[in-house]
C-alpha atoms as a PDB file:
ATOM      1  CA  MET A   1      28.929  91.835  59.512  1.00  0.00           C
ATOM      2  CA  ASN A   2      28.671  90.249  62.925  1.00  0.00           C
ATOM      3  CA  ASP A   3      26.382  87.659  64.538  1.00  0.00           C
ATOM      4  CA  TYR A   4      24.177  90.447  65.972  1.00  0.00           C
ATOM      5  CA  ASP A   5      23.084  91.802  62.525  1.00  0.00           C
ATOM      6  CA  SER A   6      19.750  90.052  62.386  1.00  0.00           C
ATOM      7  CA  GLY A   7      16.839  89.411  64.723  1.00  0.00           C
ATOM      8  CA  PRO A   8      15.108  91.407  67.416  1.00  0.00           C
ATOM      9  CA  LEU A   9      16.673  94.258  69.364  1.00  0.00           C
ATOM     10  CA  PRO A  10      18.351  93.393  72.666  1.00  0.00           C
ATOM     11  CA  GLN A  11      16.165  93.536  75.753  1.00  0.00           C
ATOM     12  CA  VAL A  12      17.163  95.751  78.699  1.00  0.00           C
ATOM     13  CA  ARG A  13      16.495  94.384  82.163  1.00  0.00           C
ATOM     14  CA  THR A  14      17.658  94.932  85.743  1.00  0.00           C
ATOM     15  CA  ARG A  15      21.085  93.488  86.398  1.00  0.00           C
ATOM     16  CA  VAL A  16      21.176  90.597  88.886  1.00  0.00           C
ATOM     17  CA  ASP A  17      24.196  89.109  90.619  1.00  0.00           C
ATOM     18  CA  ARG A  18      24.333  86.083  88.317  1.00  0.00           C
ATOM     19  CA  ASP A  19      24.899  88.498  85.369  1.00  0.00           C
ATOM     20  CA  LEU A  20      28.215  89.723  86.720  1.00  0.00           C
ATOM     21  CA  PRO A  21      30.527  87.081  85.246  1.00  0.00           C
ATOM     22  CA  ALA A  22      29.016  87.689  81.745  1.00  0.00           C
ATOM     23  CA  CYS A  23      29.254  91.484  82.329  1.00  0.00           C
ATOM     24  CA  VAL A  24      32.958  91.081  83.113  1.00  0.00           C
ATOM     25  CA  THR A  25      33.473  89.047  79.900  1.00  0.00           C
ATOM     26  CA  ALA A  26      31.790  91.796  77.852  1.00  0.00           C
ATOM     27  CA  LEU A  27      33.744  94.517  79.735  1.00  0.00           C
ATOM     28  CA  ARG A  28      37.030  92.661  78.991  1.00  0.00           C
ATOM     29  CA  ALA A  29      36.180  92.722  75.265  1.00  0.00           C
ATOM     30  CA  VAL A  30      35.421  96.483  75.494  1.00  0.00           C
ATOM     31  CA  HIS A  31      38.717  97.069  77.348  1.00  0.00           C
ATOM     32  CA  LEU A  32      40.707  95.176  74.730  1.00  0.00           C
ATOM     33  CA  ALA A  33      38.974  96.934  71.840  1.00  0.00           C
ATOM     34  CA  ASP A  34      38.583 100.454  73.188  1.00  0.00           C
ATOM     35  CA  GLY A  35      40.620 100.817  76.365  1.00  0.00           C
ATOM     36  CA  TYR A  36      37.580 101.237  78.591  1.00  0.00           C
ATOM     37  CA  PRO A  37      37.935 101.281  81.474  1.00  0.00           C
ATOM     38  CA  THR A  38      41.196 103.148  81.068  1.00  0.00           C
ATOM     39  CA  ASN A  39      42.648 101.346  84.083  1.00  0.00           C
ATOM     40  CA  TRP A  40      41.526  97.706  84.282  1.00  0.00           C
ATOM     41  CA  PRO A  41      40.105  97.189  87.775  1.00  0.00           C
ATOM     42  CA  GLN A  42      41.729  94.731  90.154  1.00  0.00           C
ATOM     43  CA  ASP A  43      38.287  93.307  90.920  1.00  0.00           C
ATOM     44  CA  PRO A  44      36.024  93.919  87.866  1.00  0.00           C
ATOM     45  CA  GLN A  45      32.840  92.577  89.521  1.00  0.00           C
ATOM     46  CA  LYS A  46      33.340  94.936  92.462  1.00  0.00           C
ATOM     47  CA  TRP A  47      34.056  97.799  90.037  1.00  0.00           C
ATOM     48  CA  LEU A  48      30.763  97.073  88.237  1.00  0.00           C
ATOM     49  CA  THR A  49      28.699  96.896  91.419  1.00  0.00           C
ATOM     50  CA  GLY A  50      30.301 100.068  92.808  1.00  0.00           C
ATOM     51  CA  SER A  51      28.042 101.904  95.159  1.00  0.00           C
ATOM     52  CA  ALA A  52      25.286 100.157  97.113  1.00  0.00           C
ATOM     53  CA  ASP A  53      22.778 102.792  96.000  1.00  0.00           C
ATOM     54  CA  ALA A  54      23.316 102.089  92.305  1.00  0.00           C
ATOM     55  CA  ALA A  55      20.642 100.861  89.958  1.00  0.00           C
ATOM     56  CA  ALA A  56      22.027  98.826  87.097  1.00  0.00           C
ATOM     57  CA  TRP A  57      20.768  97.208  83.899  1.00  0.00           C
ATOM     58  CA  VAL A  58      22.058  94.844  81.279  1.00  0.00           C
ATOM     59  CA  ALA A  59      21.148  94.448  77.625  1.00  0.00           C
ATOM     60  CA  GLU A  60      20.602  90.866  76.680  1.00  0.00           C
ATOM     61  CA  TRP A  61      20.365  89.431  73.228  1.00  0.00           C
ATOM     62  CA  GLU A  62      19.642  85.768  72.569  1.00  0.00           C
ATOM     63  CA  GLY A  63      20.664  84.847  76.084  1.00  0.00           C
ATOM     64  CA  ARG A  64      23.953  86.796  76.044  1.00  0.00           C
ATOM     65  CA  ILE A  65      24.791  89.932  78.026  1.00  0.00           C
ATOM     66  CA  VAL A  66      25.863  92.537  75.416  1.00  0.00           C
ATOM     67  CA  GLY A  67      25.812  95.758  77.435  1.00  0.00           C
ATOM     68  CA  HIS A  68      25.608  97.341  80.853  1.00  0.00           C
ATOM     69  CA  VAL A  69      24.799 100.667  82.512  1.00  0.00           C
ATOM     70  CA  ALA A  70      24.460 101.907  86.107  1.00  0.00           C
ATOM     71  CA  LEU A  71      22.899 105.032  87.592  1.00  0.00           C
ATOM     72  CA  VAL A  72      24.473 106.295  90.773  1.00  0.00           C
ATOM     73  CA  ARG A  73      24.443 109.275  93.136  1.00  0.00           C
ATOM     74  CA  PRO A  74      27.018 111.985  92.308  1.00  0.00           C
ATOM     75  CA  GLY A  75      30.384 111.532  93.869  1.00  0.00           C
ATOM     76  CA  PRO A  76      33.092 114.104  94.683  1.00  0.00           C
ATOM     77  CA  GLU A  77      35.027 113.114  91.507  1.00  0.00           C
ATOM     78  CA  ASP A  78      32.027 113.793  89.164  1.00  0.00           C
ATOM     79  CA  ILE A  79      32.145 117.120  87.371  1.00  0.00           C
ATOM     80  CA  ALA A  80      28.884 117.125  85.400  1.00  0.00           C
ATOM     81  CA  PRO A  81      26.535 117.316  88.421  1.00  0.00           C
ATOM     82  CA  SER A  82      27.875 120.721  89.409  1.00  0.00           C
ATOM     83  CA  LEU A  83      27.232 122.047  85.907  1.00  0.00           C
ATOM     84  CA  VAL A  84      23.499 121.352  85.810  1.00  0.00           C
ATOM     85  CA  GLY A  85      21.144 123.975  87.093  1.00  0.00           C
ATOM     86  CA  THR A  86      21.708 126.132  90.131  1.00  0.00           C
ATOM     87  CA  GLY A  87      21.848 123.366  92.710  1.00  0.00           C
ATOM     88  CA  SER A  88      18.088 122.974  92.827  1.00  0.00           C
ATOM     89  CA  THR A  89      18.229 120.389  90.048  1.00  0.00           C
ATOM     90  CA  SER A  90      18.641 116.846  91.309  1.00  0.00           C
ATOM     91  CA  VAL A  91      21.076 114.751  89.251  1.00  0.00           C
ATOM     92  CA  ALA A  92      21.897 111.072  88.838  1.00  0.00           C
ATOM     93  CA  VAL A  93      25.144 109.949  87.259  1.00  0.00           C
ATOM     94  CA  VAL A  94      25.273 107.451  84.382  1.00  0.00           C
ATOM     95  CA  SER A  95      28.161 105.108  85.096  1.00  0.00           C
ATOM     96  CA  ARG A  96      29.725 101.885  83.872  1.00  0.00           C
ATOM     97  CA  LEU A  97      28.150 102.078  80.403  1.00  0.00           C
ATOM     98  CA  PHE A  98      29.609  99.677  77.872  1.00  0.00           C
ATOM     99  CA  VAL A  99      28.559  97.664  74.836  1.00  0.00           C
ATOM    100  CA  ASP A 100      30.208  94.445  73.655  1.00  0.00           C
ATOM    101  CA  PRO A 101      32.046  95.399  70.399  1.00  0.00           C
ATOM    102  CA  ALA A 102      30.434  92.470  68.611  1.00  0.00           C
ATOM    103  CA  ALA A 103      26.955  93.902  69.454  1.00  0.00           C
ATOM    104  CA  ARG A 104      27.449  97.450  68.290  1.00  0.00           C
ATOM    105  CA  GLY A 105      25.058  98.835  65.727  1.00  0.00           C
ATOM    106  CA  ARG A 106      22.008  97.264  67.397  1.00  0.00           C
ATOM    107  CA  ARG A 107      21.033 100.330  69.519  1.00  0.00           C
ATOM    108  CA  VAL A 108      22.365  98.702  72.694  1.00  0.00           C
ATOM    109  CA  GLY A 109      23.897 101.904  74.010  1.00  0.00           C
ATOM    110  CA  ALA A 110      20.830 103.956  73.162  1.00  0.00           C
ATOM    111  CA  LEU A 111      18.550 101.456  74.841  1.00  0.00           C
ATOM    112  CA  LEU A 112      20.653 101.340  77.990  1.00  0.00           C
ATOM    113  CA  LEU A 113      20.814 105.158  78.145  1.00  0.00           C
ATOM    114  CA  GLU A 114      17.028 105.405  77.667  1.00  0.00           C
ATOM    115  CA  ARG A 115      16.535 103.100  80.687  1.00  0.00           C
ATOM    116  CA  ALA A 116      18.947 105.170  82.818  1.00  0.00           C
ATOM    117  CA  ILE A 117      17.238 108.408  81.789  1.00  0.00           C
ATOM    118  CA  GLU A 118      13.782 106.994  82.592  1.00  0.00           C
ATOM    119  CA  ARG A 119      14.896 105.951  86.068  1.00  0.00           C
ATOM    120  CA  ALA A 120      16.555 109.312  86.716  1.00  0.00           C
ATOM    121  CA  ARG A 121      13.356 111.114  85.698  1.00  0.00           C
ATOM    122  CA  ALA A 122      11.267 108.815  87.904  1.00  0.00           C
ATOM    123  CA  LEU A 123      13.512 109.915  90.777  1.00  0.00           C
ATOM    124  CA  GLY A 124      12.988 113.567  89.869  1.00  0.00           C
ATOM    125  CA  ALA A 125      16.538 113.855  88.630  1.00  0.00           C
ATOM    126  CA  ARG A 126      18.382 114.592  85.407  1.00  0.00           C
ATOM    127  CA  ALA A 127      20.935 112.040  84.185  1.00  0.00           C
ATOM    128  CA  VAL A 128      24.429 113.384  83.647  1.00  0.00           C
ATOM    129  CA  LEU A 129      27.771 111.837  82.785  1.00  0.00           C
ATOM    130  CA  ASP A 130      31.482 112.465  82.310  1.00  0.00           C
ATOM    131  CA  VAL A 131      33.341 110.756  79.472  1.00  0.00           C
ATOM    132  CA  VAL A 132      37.085 110.872  78.609  1.00  0.00           C
ATOM    133  CA  THR A 133      37.662 113.081  75.630  1.00  0.00           C
ATOM    134  CA  THR A 134      39.512 110.312  73.848  1.00  0.00           C
ATOM    135  CA  ASP A 135      36.383 108.125  73.738  1.00  0.00           C
ATOM    136  CA  THR A 136      35.136 109.587  70.487  1.00  0.00           C
ATOM    137  CA  ALA A 137      32.669 106.796  69.821  1.00  0.00           C
ATOM    138  CA  ALA A 138      30.892 107.451  73.130  1.00  0.00           C
ATOM    139  CA  VAL A 139      31.000 111.243  72.563  1.00  0.00           C
ATOM    140  CA  ALA A 140      29.379 110.688  69.124  1.00  0.00           C
ATOM    141  CA  LEU A 141      26.648 108.484  70.657  1.00  0.00           C
ATOM    142  CA  TYR A 142      25.735 111.045  73.352  1.00  0.00           C
ATOM    143  CA  GLU A 143      25.619 113.874  70.830  1.00  0.00           C
ATOM    144  CA  ARG A 144      23.640 111.822  68.318  1.00  0.00           C
ATOM    145  CA  LEU A 145      21.051 111.098  71.071  1.00  0.00           C
ATOM    146  CA  GLY A 146      20.728 114.776  71.939  1.00  0.00           C
ATOM    147  CA  TRP A 147      22.684 114.864  75.181  1.00  0.00           C
ATOM    148  CA  GLU A 148      23.637 118.458  76.112  1.00  0.00           C
ATOM    149  CA  PHE A 149      27.342 119.195  76.225  1.00  0.00           C
ATOM    150  CA  LEU A 150      28.070 121.134  79.415  1.00  0.00           C
ATOM    151  CA  ALA A 151      31.853 121.664  79.504  1.00  0.00           C
ATOM    152  CA  THR A 152      35.201 119.944  79.674  1.00  0.00           C
ATOM    153  CA  GLY A 153      37.064 119.455  82.907  1.00  0.00           C
ATOM    154  CA  GLN A 154      39.768 117.426  84.528  1.00  0.00           C
ATOM    155  CA  GLN A 155      39.401 114.516  86.938  1.00  0.00           C
ATOM    156  CA  GLU A 156      42.043 113.054  89.153  1.00  0.00           C
ATOM    157  CA  TRP A 157      41.970 109.264  88.694  1.00  0.00           C
ATOM    158  CA  GLY A 158      44.887 108.525  90.982  1.00  0.00           C
ATOM    159  CA  PRO A 159      48.324 109.730  91.958  1.00  0.00           C
ATOM    160  CA  ASP A 160      49.833 111.538  88.993  1.00  0.00           C
ATOM    161  CA  GLU A 161      46.866 110.685  86.741  1.00  0.00           C
ATOM    162  CA  LEU A 162      44.782 113.597  85.516  1.00  0.00           C
ATOM    163  CA  VAL A 163      42.311 112.986  82.662  1.00  0.00           C
ATOM    164  CA  THR A 164      40.256 115.419  80.587  1.00  0.00           C
ATOM    165  CA  VAL A 165      36.528 114.634  80.381  1.00  0.00           C
ATOM    166  CA  ARG A 166      33.556 115.994  78.473  1.00  0.00           C
ATOM    167  CA  CYS A 167      30.480 116.514  80.618  1.00  0.00           C
ATOM    168  CA  TYR A 168      26.957 115.908  79.368  1.00  0.00           C
ATOM    169  CA  ALA A 169      23.373 116.093  80.616  1.00  0.00           C
ATOM    170  CA  ALA A 170      20.537 114.009  79.284  1.00  0.00           C
ATOM    171  CA  PRO A 171      18.092 115.767  76.991  1.00  0.00           C
ATOM    172  CA  ALA A 172      15.456 117.680  78.933  1.00  0.00           C
ATOM    173  CA  SER A 173      12.174 115.819  79.274  1.00  0.00           C
ATOM    174  CA  GLY A 174      10.345 115.911  75.994  1.00  0.00           C
ATOM    175  CA  ALA A 175      13.406 117.003  74.018  1.00  0.00           C
ATOM    176  CA  ARG A 176      14.248 115.082  70.854  1.00  0.00           C
ATOM    177  CA  SER A 177      17.530 114.305  69.200  1.00  0.00           C
ATOM    178  CA  GLN A 178      18.210 116.250  66.027  1.00  0.00           C
ATOM    179  CA  LYS A 179      18.549 112.952  64.129  1.00  0.00           C
ATOM    180  CA  GLU A 180      15.332 111.527  65.463  1.00  0.00           C
ATOM    181  CA  THR A 181      12.405 111.385  63.113  1.00  0.00           C
ATOM    182  CA  PRO A 182       8.792 112.227  64.168  1.00  0.00           C
END
């Protein structure tokens, strides 16, 4: 049992600059517990803010940041965008998704993904993502939420560093997870 086991669900809101130190604190806890990100960034705040065109949200519970997600344009390193549709389908990439280990089990990841999917759809795009194959908890979350497995592939993360990723696309509009109840 943790201190997040009672009370209301976390609230998802747009990330603002003053959230970044708390996001880095939560990210550090995730890195220590799960090894995400695989390579700890030299400047974690810059890593989180990434691209200027990103939209980002945080999950907040009782005044504490307990999760984060961003939605960005596809980059050359992203595999999933090329696997969706025939090129006529617009895509947006889910990025920098993490949940403080102490807050897991409160639907934080699902709530953050819902917000990213909603934004992608509002932009006329389908949300996609790549996840390292070793992150079995994230893979289980995406599959439980009905994300469509597209393929596995390899990404080059730096000199002499090749990683295998699983590629997913968000459920089609109106689709429901198999574990969802009516």
